[in-house]
Amino acid sequence: MSSHNSLSTRTWLEDHPRIHHAFIPVGACWLNLQEGWWRIFRKAALAGRSFANPDDIEHATALATSQLNSRANPWIWGRPAPPTRRLRRRYVYTV
């Protein structure tokens, strides 16, 4: 987008050296972990609701954020290891 390369954006990024602008390839939205969080947040806080004023939006945001944080799990990349199989019988041979 042109807003990503505007003078004001580049100036702001120079003033905040800890933030690095990185483009994500088209079709690879799964690389942006924020997208997954935003989908869950929209369903929890905004779906099916109409708001009368900004205070209602702020209240819904605070409530949904606290509910999501109460059941948050750390992100683990990849699949967990399969459980080890316990043997039902153990045979012992004597010689």
PDB file of N, CA and C in Angstrom:
ATOM      1  N   MET A   1       0.836  -1.174   0.000  1.00  0.00           N
ATOM      2  CA  MET A   1       0.000   0.000   0.000  1.00  0.00           C
ATOM      3  C   MET A   1       0.884   1.242   0.000  1.00  0.00           C
ATOM      4  N   SER A   2       0.366   2.294  -0.562  1.00  0.00           N
ATOM      5  CA  SER A   2       1.142   3.534  -0.613  1.00  0.00           C
ATOM      6  C   SER A   2       1.332   4.130   0.780  1.00  0.00           C
ATOM      7  N   SER A   3       0.413   3.840   1.694  1.00  0.00           N
ATOM      8  CA  SER A   3       0.562   4.397   3.046  1.00  0.00           C
ATOM      9  C   SER A   3       1.757   3.791   3.775  1.00  0.00           C
ATOM     10  N   HIS A   4       2.185   2.599   3.386  1.00  0.00           N
ATOM     11  CA  HIS A   4       3.341   1.982   4.029  1.00  0.00           C
ATOM     12  C   HIS A   4       4.642   2.674   3.652  1.00  0.00           C
ATOM     13  N   ASN A   5       4.663   3.334   2.504  1.00  0.00           N
ATOM     14  CA  ASN A   5       5.884   3.990   2.040  1.00  0.00           C
ATOM     15  C   ASN A   5       5.801   5.506   2.118  1.00  0.00           C
ATOM     16  N   SER A   6       4.804   6.031   2.793  1.00  0.00           N
ATOM     17  CA  SER A   6       4.663   7.480   2.866  1.00  0.00           C
ATOM     18  C   SER A   6       5.762   8.079   3.743  1.00  0.00           C
ATOM     19  N   LEU A   7       5.980   9.360   3.571  1.00  0.00           N
ATOM     20  CA  LEU A   7       7.019  10.043   4.336  1.00  0.00           C
ATOM     21  C   LEU A   7       6.727  10.008   5.834  1.00  0.00           C
ATOM     22  N   SER A   8       5.462  10.187   6.201  1.00  0.00           N
ATOM     23  CA  SER A   8       5.132  10.181   7.638  1.00  0.00           C
ATOM     24  C   SER A   8       5.371   8.806   8.259  1.00  0.00           C
ATOM     25  N   THR A   9       5.068   7.745   7.516  1.00  0.00           N
ATOM     26  CA  THR A   9       5.304   6.390   8.033  1.00  0.00           C
ATOM     27  C   THR A   9       6.791   6.108   8.167  1.00  0.00           C
ATOM     28  N   ARG A  10       7.577   6.484   7.159  1.00  0.00           N
ATOM     29  CA  ARG A  10       9.022   6.259   7.230  1.00  0.00           C
ATOM     30  C   ARG A  10       9.661   7.073   8.345  1.00  0.00           C
ATOM     31  N   THR A  11       9.183   8.296   8.566  1.00  0.00           N
ATOM     32  CA  THR A  11       9.702   9.122   9.656  1.00  0.00           C
ATOM     33  C   THR A  11       9.374   8.498  11.004  1.00  0.00           C
ATOM     34  N   TRP A  12       8.143   8.006  11.146  1.00  0.00           N
ATOM     35  CA  TRP A  12       7.743   7.370  12.402  1.00  0.00           C
ATOM     36  C   TRP A  12       8.595   6.136  12.665  1.00  0.00           C
ATOM     37  N   LEU A  13       8.854   5.335  11.635  1.00  0.00           N
ATOM     38  CA  LEU A  13       9.681   4.135  11.808  1.00  0.00           C
ATOM     39  C   LEU A  13      11.113   4.488  12.184  1.00  0.00           C
ATOM     40  N   GLU A  14      11.635   5.597  11.658  1.00  0.00           N
ATOM     41  CA  GLU A  14      12.979   6.026  12.046  1.00  0.00           C
ATOM     42  C   GLU A  14      13.028   6.444  13.508  1.00  0.00           C
ATOM     43  N   ASP A  15      11.940   7.014  14.013  1.00  0.00           N
ATOM     44  CA  ASP A  15      11.889   7.428  15.411  1.00  0.00           C
ATOM     45  C   ASP A  15      11.674   6.258  16.366  1.00  0.00           C
ATOM     46  N   HIS A  16      11.274   5.113  15.851  1.00  0.00           N
ATOM     47  CA  HIS A  16      11.034   3.911  16.663  1.00  0.00           C
ATOM     48  C   HIS A  16      11.893   2.765  16.121  1.00  0.00           C
ATOM     49  N   PRO A  17      13.175   2.726  16.486  1.00  0.00           N
ATOM     50  CA  PRO A  17      14.093   1.743  15.889  1.00  0.00           C
ATOM     51  C   PRO A  17      13.800   0.294  16.268  1.00  0.00           C
ATOM     52  N   ARG A  18      13.020   0.049  17.310  1.00  0.00           N
ATOM     53  CA  ARG A  18      12.710  -1.340  17.689  1.00  0.00           C
ATOM     54  C   ARG A  18      11.676  -1.972  16.776  1.00  0.00           C
ATOM     55  N   ILE A  19      10.966  -1.157  16.006  1.00  0.00           N
ATOM     56  CA  ILE A  19       9.925  -1.672  15.115  1.00  0.00           C
ATOM     57  C   ILE A  19      10.487  -1.719  13.700  1.00  0.00           C
ATOM     58  N   HIS A  20      10.411  -2.891  13.097  1.00  0.00           N
ATOM     59  CA  HIS A  20      10.905  -3.091  11.731  1.00  0.00           C
ATOM     60  C   HIS A  20       9.729  -3.399  10.829  1.00  0.00           C
ATOM     61  N   HIS A  21       9.678  -2.712   9.709  1.00  0.00           N
ATOM     62  CA  HIS A  21       8.599  -2.934   8.745  1.00  0.00           C
ATOM     63  C   HIS A  21       8.972  -4.132   7.872  1.00  0.00           C
ATOM     64  N   ALA A  22       8.121  -5.126   7.833  1.00  0.00           N
ATOM     65  CA  ALA A  22       8.369  -6.318   7.019  1.00  0.00           C
ATOM     66  C   ALA A  22       7.128  -6.625   6.206  1.00  0.00           C
ATOM     67  N   PHE A  23       7.301  -6.792   4.912  1.00  0.00           N
ATOM     68  CA  PHE A  23       6.181  -7.120   4.054  1.00  0.00           C
ATOM     69  C   PHE A  23       5.954  -8.617   4.066  1.00  0.00           C
ATOM     70  N   ILE A  24       4.706  -9.018   4.064  1.00  0.00           N
ATOM     71  CA  ILE A  24       4.330 -10.424   4.005  1.00  0.00           C
ATOM     72  C   ILE A  24       3.926 -10.721   2.568  1.00  0.00           C
ATOM     73  N   PRO A  25       4.395 -11.829   1.989  1.00  0.00           N
ATOM     74  CA  PRO A  25       4.040 -12.141   0.608  1.00  0.00           C
ATOM     75  C   PRO A  25       2.528 -12.292   0.432  1.00  0.00           C
ATOM     76  N   VAL A  26       2.059 -11.952  -0.756  1.00  0.00           N
ATOM     77  CA  VAL A  26       0.632 -12.093  -1.061  1.00  0.00           C
ATOM     78  C   VAL A  26       0.261 -13.567  -0.949  1.00  0.00           C
ATOM     79  N   GLY A  27      -0.845 -13.858  -0.309  1.00  0.00           N
ATOM     80  CA  GLY A  27      -1.295 -15.236  -0.140  1.00  0.00           C
ATOM     81  C   GLY A  27      -0.685 -15.947   1.051  1.00  0.00           C
ATOM     82  N   ALA A  28       0.080 -15.250   1.863  1.00  0.00           N
ATOM     83  CA  ALA A  28       0.711 -15.878   3.027  1.00  0.00           C
ATOM     84  C   ALA A  28       0.267 -15.190   4.304  1.00  0.00           C
ATOM     85  N   CYS A  29      -1.037 -14.927   4.416  1.00  0.00           N
ATOM     86  CA  CYS A  29      -1.537 -14.215   5.592  1.00  0.00           C
ATOM     87  C   CYS A  29      -1.345 -15.034   6.866  1.00  0.00           C
ATOM     88  N   TRP A  30      -1.168 -16.346   6.744  1.00  0.00           N
ATOM     89  CA  TRP A  30      -0.969 -17.175   7.933  1.00  0.00           C
ATOM     90  C   TRP A  30       0.347 -16.846   8.626  1.00  0.00           C
ATOM     91  N   LEU A  31       1.264 -16.144   7.936  1.00  0.00           N
ATOM     92  CA  LEU A  31       2.512 -15.731   8.577  1.00  0.00           C
ATOM     93  C   LEU A  31       2.292 -14.607   9.582  1.00  0.00           C
ATOM     94  N   ASN A  32       1.217 -13.869   9.425  1.00  0.00           N
ATOM     95  CA  ASN A  32       0.906 -12.771  10.327  1.00  0.00           C
ATOM     96  C   ASN A  32       0.021 -13.309  11.449  1.00  0.00           C
ATOM     97  N   LEU A  33       0.601 -13.531  12.616  1.00  0.00           N
ATOM     98  CA  LEU A  33      -0.147 -14.111  13.734  1.00  0.00           C
ATOM     99  C   LEU A  33      -1.237 -13.184  14.241  1.00  0.00           C
ATOM    100  N   GLN A  34      -1.138 -11.903  13.925  1.00  0.00           N
ATOM    101  CA  GLN A  34      -2.162 -10.940  14.333  1.00  0.00           C
ATOM    102  C   GLN A  34      -3.489 -11.242  13.645  1.00  0.00           C
ATOM    103  N   GLU A  35      -3.462 -11.771  12.426  1.00  0.00           N
ATOM    104  CA  GLU A  35      -4.693 -12.059  11.694  1.00  0.00           C
ATOM    105  C   GLU A  35      -5.549 -13.101  12.415  1.00  0.00           C
ATOM    106  N   GLY A  36      -4.916 -14.124  12.939  1.00  0.00           N
ATOM    107  CA  GLY A  36      -5.655 -15.140  13.689  1.00  0.00           C
ATOM    108  C   GLY A  36      -6.283 -14.578  14.948  1.00  0.00           C
ATOM    109  N   TRP A  37      -5.526 -13.740  15.668  1.00  0.00           N
ATOM    110  CA  TRP A  37      -6.068 -13.114  16.872  1.00  0.00           C
ATOM    111  C   TRP A  37      -7.228 -12.199  16.513  1.00  0.00           C
ATOM    112  N   TRP A  38      -7.104 -11.437  15.430  1.00  0.00           N
ATOM    113  CA  TRP A  38      -8.157 -10.504  15.039  1.00  0.00           C
ATOM    114  C   TRP A  38      -9.444 -11.254  14.685  1.00  0.00           C
ATOM    115  N   ARG A  39      -9.329 -12.413  14.044  1.00  0.00           N
ATOM    116  CA  ARG A  39     -10.507 -13.216  13.702  1.00  0.00           C
ATOM    117  C   ARG A  39     -11.224 -13.666  14.973  1.00  0.00           C
ATOM    118  N   ILE A  40     -10.478 -14.156  15.952  1.00  0.00           N
ATOM    119  CA  ILE A  40     -11.077 -14.595  17.212  1.00  0.00           C
ATOM    120  C   ILE A  40     -11.703 -13.410  17.948  1.00  0.00           C
ATOM    121  N   PHE A  41     -11.009 -12.268  17.950  1.00  0.00           N
ATOM    122  CA  PHE A  41     -11.516 -11.087  18.632  1.00  0.00           C
ATOM    123  C   PHE A  41     -12.801 -10.579  17.990  1.00  0.00           C
ATOM    124  N   ARG A  42     -12.849 -10.566  16.663  1.00  0.00           N
ATOM    125  CA  ARG A  42     -14.071 -10.109  15.975  1.00  0.00           C
ATOM    126  C   ARG A  42     -15.255 -10.976  16.336  1.00  0.00           C
ATOM    127  N   LYS A  43     -15.041 -12.288  16.397  1.00  0.00           N
ATOM    128  CA  LYS A  43     -16.136 -13.200  16.755  1.00  0.00           C
ATOM    129  C   LYS A  43     -16.574 -12.994  18.199  1.00  0.00           C
ATOM    130  N   ALA A  44     -15.617 -12.752  19.098  1.00  0.00           N
ATOM    131  CA  ALA A  44     -15.942 -12.637  20.523  1.00  0.00           C
ATOM    132  C   ALA A  44     -16.534 -11.281  20.889  1.00  0.00           C
ATOM    133  N   ALA A  45     -16.025 -10.205  20.288  1.00  0.00           N
ATOM    134  CA  ALA A  45     -16.421  -8.869  20.746  1.00  0.00           C
ATOM    135  C   ALA A  45     -17.384  -8.149  19.817  1.00  0.00           C
ATOM    136  N   LEU A  46     -17.266  -8.368  18.525  1.00  0.00           N
ATOM    137  CA  LEU A  46     -17.984  -7.511  17.593  1.00  0.00           C
ATOM    138  C   LEU A  46     -19.107  -8.189  16.824  1.00  0.00           C
ATOM    139  N   ALA A  47     -19.104  -9.493  16.717  1.00  0.00           N
ATOM    140  CA  ALA A  47     -20.069 -10.200  15.862  1.00  0.00           C
ATOM    141  C   ALA A  47     -21.483 -10.087  16.423  1.00  0.00           C
ATOM    142  N   GLY A  48     -22.405  -9.679  15.577  1.00  0.00           N
ATOM    143  CA  GLY A  48     -23.811  -9.645  15.935  1.00  0.00           C
ATOM    144  C   GLY A  48     -24.202  -8.563  16.917  1.00  0.00           C
ATOM    145  N   ARG A  49     -23.371  -7.567  17.104  1.00  0.00           N
ATOM    146  CA  ARG A  49     -23.677  -6.515  18.065  1.00  0.00           C
ATOM    147  C   ARG A  49     -23.757  -5.165  17.355  1.00  0.00           C
ATOM    148  N   SER A  50     -24.569  -4.295  17.875  1.00  0.00           N
ATOM    149  CA  SER A  50     -24.603  -2.910  17.406  1.00  0.00           C
ATOM    150  C   SER A  50     -24.296  -2.013  18.600  1.00  0.00           C
ATOM    151  N   PHE A  51     -23.494  -1.015  18.358  1.00  0.00           N
ATOM    152  CA  PHE A  51     -23.018  -0.164  19.438  1.00  0.00           C
ATOM    153  C   PHE A  51     -23.611   1.227  19.296  1.00  0.00           C
ATOM    154  N   ALA A  52     -24.018   1.819  20.421  1.00  0.00           N
ATOM    155  CA  ALA A  52     -24.636   3.146  20.417  1.00  0.00           C
ATOM    156  C   ALA A  52     -23.599   4.257  20.494  1.00  0.00           C
ATOM    157  N   ASN A  53     -22.486   3.985  21.170  1.00  0.00           N
ATOM    158  CA  ASN A  53     -21.461   5.021  21.327  1.00  0.00           C
ATOM    159  C   ASN A  53     -20.099   4.369  21.532  1.00  0.00           C
ATOM    160  N   PRO A  54     -19.027   5.151  21.522  1.00  0.00           N
ATOM    161  CA  PRO A  54     -17.683   4.590  21.702  1.00  0.00           C
ATOM    162  C   PRO A  54     -17.483   3.883  23.045  1.00  0.00           C
ATOM    163  N   ASP A  55     -18.216   4.292  24.058  1.00  0.00           N
ATOM    164  CA  ASP A  55     -18.086   3.630  25.362  1.00  0.00           C
ATOM    165  C   ASP A  55     -18.541   2.177  25.290  1.00  0.00           C
ATOM    166  N   ASP A  56     -19.572   1.901  24.491  1.00  0.00           N
ATOM    167  CA  ASP A  56     -20.025   0.519  24.306  1.00  0.00           C
ATOM    168  C   ASP A  56     -18.953  -0.324  23.632  1.00  0.00           C
ATOM    169  N   ILE A  57     -18.286   0.252  22.632  1.00  0.00           N
ATOM    170  CA  ILE A  57     -17.207  -0.465  21.941  1.00  0.00           C
ATOM    171  C   ILE A  57     -16.055  -0.733  22.902  1.00  0.00           C
ATOM    172  N   GLU A  58     -15.711   0.244  23.707  1.00  0.00           N
ATOM    173  CA  GLU A  58     -14.633   0.078  24.675  1.00  0.00           C
ATOM    174  C   GLU A  58     -14.970  -1.003  25.704  1.00  0.00           C
ATOM    175  N   HIS A  59     -16.211  -1.025  26.165  1.00  0.00           N
ATOM    176  CA  HIS A  59     -16.635  -2.043  27.131  1.00  0.00           C
ATOM    177  C   HIS A  59     -16.589  -3.434  26.507  1.00  0.00           C
ATOM    178  N   ALA A  60     -17.091  -3.573  25.285  1.00  0.00           N
ATOM    179  CA  ALA A  60     -17.070  -4.878  24.611  1.00  0.00           C
ATOM    180  C   ALA A  60     -15.633  -5.340  24.372  1.00  0.00           C
ATOM    181  N   THR A  61     -14.759  -4.405  24.016  1.00  0.00           N
ATOM    182  CA  THR A  61     -13.348  -4.736  23.793  1.00  0.00           C
ATOM    183  C   THR A  61     -12.683  -5.207  25.080  1.00  0.00           C
ATOM    184  N   ALA A  62     -12.913  -4.501  26.167  1.00  0.00           N
ATOM    185  CA  ALA A  62     -12.312  -4.885  27.453  1.00  0.00           C
ATOM    186  C   ALA A  62     -12.831  -6.239  27.920  1.00  0.00           C
ATOM    187  N   LEU A  63     -14.122  -6.467  27.767  1.00  0.00           N
ATOM    188  CA  LEU A  63     -14.709  -7.736  28.194  1.00  0.00           C
ATOM    189  C   LEU A  63     -14.183  -8.903  27.366  1.00  0.00           C
ATOM    190  N   ALA A  64     -14.169  -8.737  26.034  1.00  0.00           N
ATOM    191  CA  ALA A  64     -13.686  -9.817  25.171  1.00  0.00           C
ATOM    192  C   ALA A  64     -12.206 -10.087  25.400  1.00  0.00           C
ATOM    193  N   THR A  65     -11.412  -9.034  25.605  1.00  0.00           N
ATOM    194  CA  THR A  65      -9.982  -9.216  25.845  1.00  0.00           C
ATOM    195  C   THR A  65      -9.742  -9.975  27.148  1.00  0.00           C
ATOM    196  N   SER A  66     -10.467  -9.638  28.199  1.00  0.00           N
ATOM    197  CA  SER A  66     -10.284 -10.353  29.471  1.00  0.00           C
ATOM    198  C   SER A  66     -10.723 -11.809  29.355  1.00  0.00           C
ATOM    199  N   GLN A  67     -11.802 -12.074  28.602  1.00  0.00           N
ATOM    200  CA  GLN A  67     -12.236 -13.456  28.410  1.00  0.00           C
ATOM    201  C   GLN A  67     -11.227 -14.248  27.593  1.00  0.00           C
ATOM    202  N   LEU A  68     -10.685 -13.637  26.533  1.00  0.00           N
ATOM    203  CA  LEU A  68      -9.682 -14.327  25.724  1.00  0.00           C
ATOM    204  C   LEU A  68      -8.403 -14.568  26.517  1.00  0.00           C
ATOM    205  N   ASN A  69      -7.998 -13.602  27.330  1.00  0.00           N
ATOM    206  CA  ASN A  69      -6.778 -13.768  28.126  1.00  0.00           C
ATOM    207  C   ASN A  69      -6.940 -14.823  29.213  1.00  0.00           C
ATOM    208  N   SER A  70      -8.162 -15.026  29.710  1.00  0.00           N
ATOM    209  CA  SER A  70      -8.362 -16.012  30.773  1.00  0.00           C
ATOM    210  C   SER A  70      -8.176 -17.440  30.271  1.00  0.00           C
ATOM    211  N   ARG A  71      -8.360 -17.664  28.986  1.00  0.00           N
ATOM    212  CA  ARG A  71      -8.181 -19.021  28.433  1.00  0.00           C
ATOM    213  C   ARG A  71      -7.095 -19.079  27.373  1.00  0.00           C
ATOM    214  N   ALA A  72      -6.109 -18.188  27.471  1.00  0.00           N
ATOM    215  CA  ALA A  72      -5.027 -18.125  26.491  1.00  0.00           C
ATOM    216  C   ALA A  72      -4.027 -19.253  26.718  1.00  0.00           C
ATOM    217  N   ASN A  73      -3.502 -19.766  25.622  1.00  0.00           N
ATOM    218  CA  ASN A  73      -2.454 -20.787  25.650  1.00  0.00           C
ATOM    219  C   ASN A  73      -1.272 -20.280  24.845  1.00  0.00           C
ATOM    220  N   PRO A  74      -0.067 -20.661  25.220  1.00  0.00           N
ATOM    221  CA  PRO A  74       1.086 -20.207  24.437  1.00  0.00           C
ATOM    222  C   PRO A  74       1.076 -20.835  23.044  1.00  0.00           C
ATOM    223  N   TRP A  75       1.568 -20.089  22.068  1.00  0.00           N
ATOM    224  CA  TRP A  75       1.642 -20.582  20.694  1.00  0.00           C
ATOM    225  C   TRP A  75       2.792 -21.549  20.570  1.00  0.00           C
ATOM    226  N   ILE A  76       2.522 -22.735  20.058  1.00  0.00           N
ATOM    227  CA  ILE A  76       3.551 -23.740  19.818  1.00  0.00           C
ATOM    228  C   ILE A  76       3.507 -24.078  18.338  1.00  0.00           C
ATOM    229  N   TRP A  77       4.613 -23.828  17.656  1.00  0.00           N
ATOM    230  CA  TRP A  77       4.662 -24.074  16.226  1.00  0.00           C
ATOM    231  C   TRP A  77       4.808 -25.572  15.981  1.00  0.00           C
ATOM    232  N   GLY A  78       3.991 -26.109  15.111  1.00  0.00           N
ATOM    233  CA  GLY A  78       4.101 -27.511  14.754  1.00  0.00           C
ATOM    234  C   GLY A  78       3.108 -28.375  15.513  1.00  0.00           C
ATOM    235  N   ARG A  79       3.227 -29.625  15.302  1.00  0.00           N
ATOM    236  CA  ARG A  79       2.317 -30.591  15.877  1.00  0.00           C
ATOM    237  C   ARG A  79       2.935 -31.210  17.131  1.00  0.00           C
ATOM    238  N   PRO A  80       2.156 -31.440  18.171  1.00  0.00           N
ATOM    239  CA  PRO A  80       2.733 -32.074  19.366  1.00  0.00           C
ATOM    240  C   PRO A  80       3.121 -33.523  19.077  1.00  0.00           C
ATOM    241  N   ALA A  81       4.062 -34.011  19.823  1.00  0.00           N
ATOM    242  CA  ALA A  81       4.518 -35.386  19.645  1.00  0.00           C
ATOM    243  C   ALA A  81       3.396 -36.359  20.002  1.00  0.00           C
ATOM    244  N   PRO A  82       3.303 -37.478  19.277  1.00  0.00           N
ATOM    245  CA  PRO A  82       2.253 -38.435  19.600  1.00  0.00           C
ATOM    246  C   PRO A  82       2.507 -39.054  20.974  1.00  0.00           C
ATOM    247  N   PRO A  83       1.452 -39.432  21.668  1.00  0.00           N
ATOM    248  CA  PRO A  83       1.648 -40.033  22.998  1.00  0.00           C
ATOM    249  C   PRO A  83       2.329 -41.401  22.873  1.00  0.00           C
ATOM    250  N   THR A  84       3.117 -41.716  23.878  1.00  0.00           N
ATOM    251  CA  THR A  84       3.786 -43.016  23.861  1.00  0.00           C
ATOM    252  C   THR A  84       2.776 -44.094  24.254  1.00  0.00           C
ATOM    253  N   ARG A  85       2.876 -45.221  23.595  1.00  0.00           N
ATOM    254  CA  ARG A  85       1.931 -46.306  23.813  1.00  0.00           C
ATOM    255  C   ARG A  85       2.374 -47.168  24.981  1.00  0.00           C
ATOM    256  N   ARG A  86       1.480 -47.407  25.916  1.00  0.00           N
ATOM    257  CA  ARG A  86       1.781 -48.296  27.037  1.00  0.00           C
ATOM    258  C   ARG A  86       1.416 -49.717  26.650  1.00  0.00           C
ATOM    259  N   LEU A  87       2.298 -50.609  26.926  1.00  0.00           N
ATOM    260  CA  LEU A  87       2.039 -52.018  26.629  1.00  0.00           C
ATOM    261  C   LEU A  87       1.153 -52.607  27.727  1.00  0.00           C
ATOM    262  N   ARG A  88       0.190 -53.416  27.310  1.00  0.00           N
ATOM    263  CA  ARG A  88      -0.706 -54.018  28.304  1.00  0.00           C
ATOM    264  C   ARG A  88      -0.053 -55.198  29.015  1.00  0.00           C
ATOM    265  N   ARG A  89       0.769 -55.912  28.286  1.00  0.00           N
ATOM    266  CA  ARG A  89       1.442 -57.072  28.896  1.00  0.00           C
ATOM    267  C   ARG A  89       2.939 -56.940  28.677  1.00  0.00           C
ATOM    268  N   ARG A  90       3.659 -57.384  29.639  1.00  0.00           N
ATOM    269  CA  ARG A  90       5.104 -57.365  29.521  1.00  0.00           C
ATOM    270  C   ARG A  90       5.593 -58.796  29.717  1.00  0.00           C
ATOM    271  N   TYR A  91       6.268 -59.324  28.711  1.00  0.00           N
ATOM    272  CA  TYR A  91       6.751 -60.690  28.765  1.00  0.00           C
ATOM    273  C   TYR A  91       8.214 -60.692  29.204  1.00  0.00           C
ATOM    274  N   VAL A  92       8.527 -61.613  30.089  1.00  0.00           N
ATOM    275  CA  VAL A  92       9.890 -61.762  30.566  1.00  0.00           C
ATOM    276  C   VAL A  92      10.335 -63.188  30.262  1.00  0.00           C
ATOM    277  N   TYR A  93      11.434 -63.269  29.564  1.00  0.00           N
ATOM    278  CA  TYR A  93      11.959 -64.599  29.203  1.00  0.00           C
ATOM    279  C   TYR A  93      13.159 -64.893  30.077  1.00  0.00           C
ATOM    280  N   THR A  94      13.188 -66.102  30.620  1.00  0.00           N
ATOM    281  CA  THR A  94      14.340 -66.513  31.417  1.00  0.00           C
ATOM    282  C   THR A  94      15.096 -67.572  30.631  1.00  0.00           C
ATOM    283  N   VAL A  95      16.383 -67.526  30.746  1.00  0.00           N
ATOM    284  CA  VAL A  95      17.220 -68.479  30.017  1.00  0.00           C
ATOM    285  C   VAL A  95      17.885 -69.406  30.975  1.00  0.00           C
TER     286      VAL A  95
END
